[in-house]
């Protein structure tokens, strides 16, 4: 059986998603309107939605009662 290669993330998921969203938006700014630009903007919106879902899942309102 193969061993899994494990490593620790140095940045949080939210930081990585924010960086990716900014990179996509920056690249989209350089392009003329077209399918590639639309795809980059769509990916940036997905990353921002994922950040919101992550924040919602980590909110204290969702903790199990103790």
Protein backbone atom coordinates (compact mmCIF):
# COMPACT_ATOMS: atom_id res chain seq x y z
CA UNK A 1 0.00 0.00 0.00
CA UNK A 2 1.25 3.48 -0.83
CA UNK A 3 1.97 5.92 1.95
CA UNK A 4 0.18 9.23 1.87
CA UNK A 5 2.34 12.29 1.56
CA UNK A 6 1.24 14.59 4.35
CA UNK A 7 2.20 18.16 4.98
CA UNK A 8 1.00 20.98 7.18
CA UNK A 9 -0.55 24.03 5.60
CA UNK A 10 1.26 27.23 6.49
CA UNK A 11 -1.74 29.46 5.81
CA UNK A 12 -5.40 29.09 6.68
CA UNK A 13 -8.00 27.97 4.17
CA UNK A 14 -9.54 31.44 4.16
CA UNK A 15 -6.18 33.05 3.37
CA UNK A 16 -5.51 30.61 0.53
CA UNK A 17 -9.00 31.19 -0.91
CA UNK A 18 -8.61 34.97 -0.65
CA UNK A 19 -5.24 34.82 -2.42
CA UNK A 20 -6.66 32.64 -5.18
CA UNK A 21 -9.68 34.93 -5.65
CA UNK A 22 -7.42 37.98 -5.88
CA UNK A 23 -5.12 36.22 -8.35
CA UNK A 24 -8.09 35.26 -10.55
CA UNK A 25 -9.51 38.79 -10.48
CA UNK A 26 -6.10 40.31 -11.27
CA UNK A 27 -5.61 37.98 -14.22
CA UNK A 28 -9.16 38.67 -15.43
CA UNK A 29 -8.49 42.44 -15.38
CA UNK A 30 -5.70 41.95 -17.91
CA UNK A 31 -7.91 40.04 -20.37
CA UNK A 32 -10.44 41.28 -22.87
CA UNK A 33 -14.03 40.08 -22.45
CA UNK A 34 -14.35 36.45 -23.41
CA UNK A 35 -14.77 32.91 -22.08
CA UNK A 36 -11.39 32.79 -20.28
CA UNK A 37 -12.13 36.04 -18.44
CA UNK A 38 -15.63 34.82 -17.51
CA UNK A 39 -14.16 31.57 -16.18
CA UNK A 40 -11.66 33.46 -13.98
CA UNK A 41 -14.36 35.75 -12.57
CA UNK A 42 -16.59 32.75 -11.89
CA UNK A 43 -13.72 31.01 -10.05
CA UNK A 44 -13.11 34.14 -7.96
CA UNK A 45 -16.79 34.20 -6.94
CA UNK A 46 -16.60 30.50 -6.04
CA UNK A 47 -13.56 31.15 -3.87
CA UNK A 48 -15.36 34.00 -2.09
CA UNK A 49 -18.42 31.81 -1.54
CA UNK A 50 -16.19 29.08 -0.11
CA UNK A 51 -14.67 31.65 2.28
CA UNK A 52 -18.16 32.62 3.47
CA UNK A 53 -19.16 28.98 3.97
CA UNK A 54 -15.94 28.30 5.88
CA UNK A 55 -16.57 31.30 8.14
CA UNK A 56 -20.15 30.16 8.68
CA UNK A 57 -19.06 26.63 9.60
CA UNK A 58 -16.51 27.99 12.07
CA UNK A 59 -18.96 30.41 13.70
CA UNK A 60 -19.72 29.84 17.39
CA UNK A 61 -23.45 29.53 16.66
CA UNK A 62 -22.89 26.07 15.15
CA UNK A 63 -21.12 24.50 18.13
CA UNK A 64 -22.67 21.42 19.69
CA UNK A 65 -24.23 22.02 23.07
CA UNK A 66 -21.99 21.00 25.98
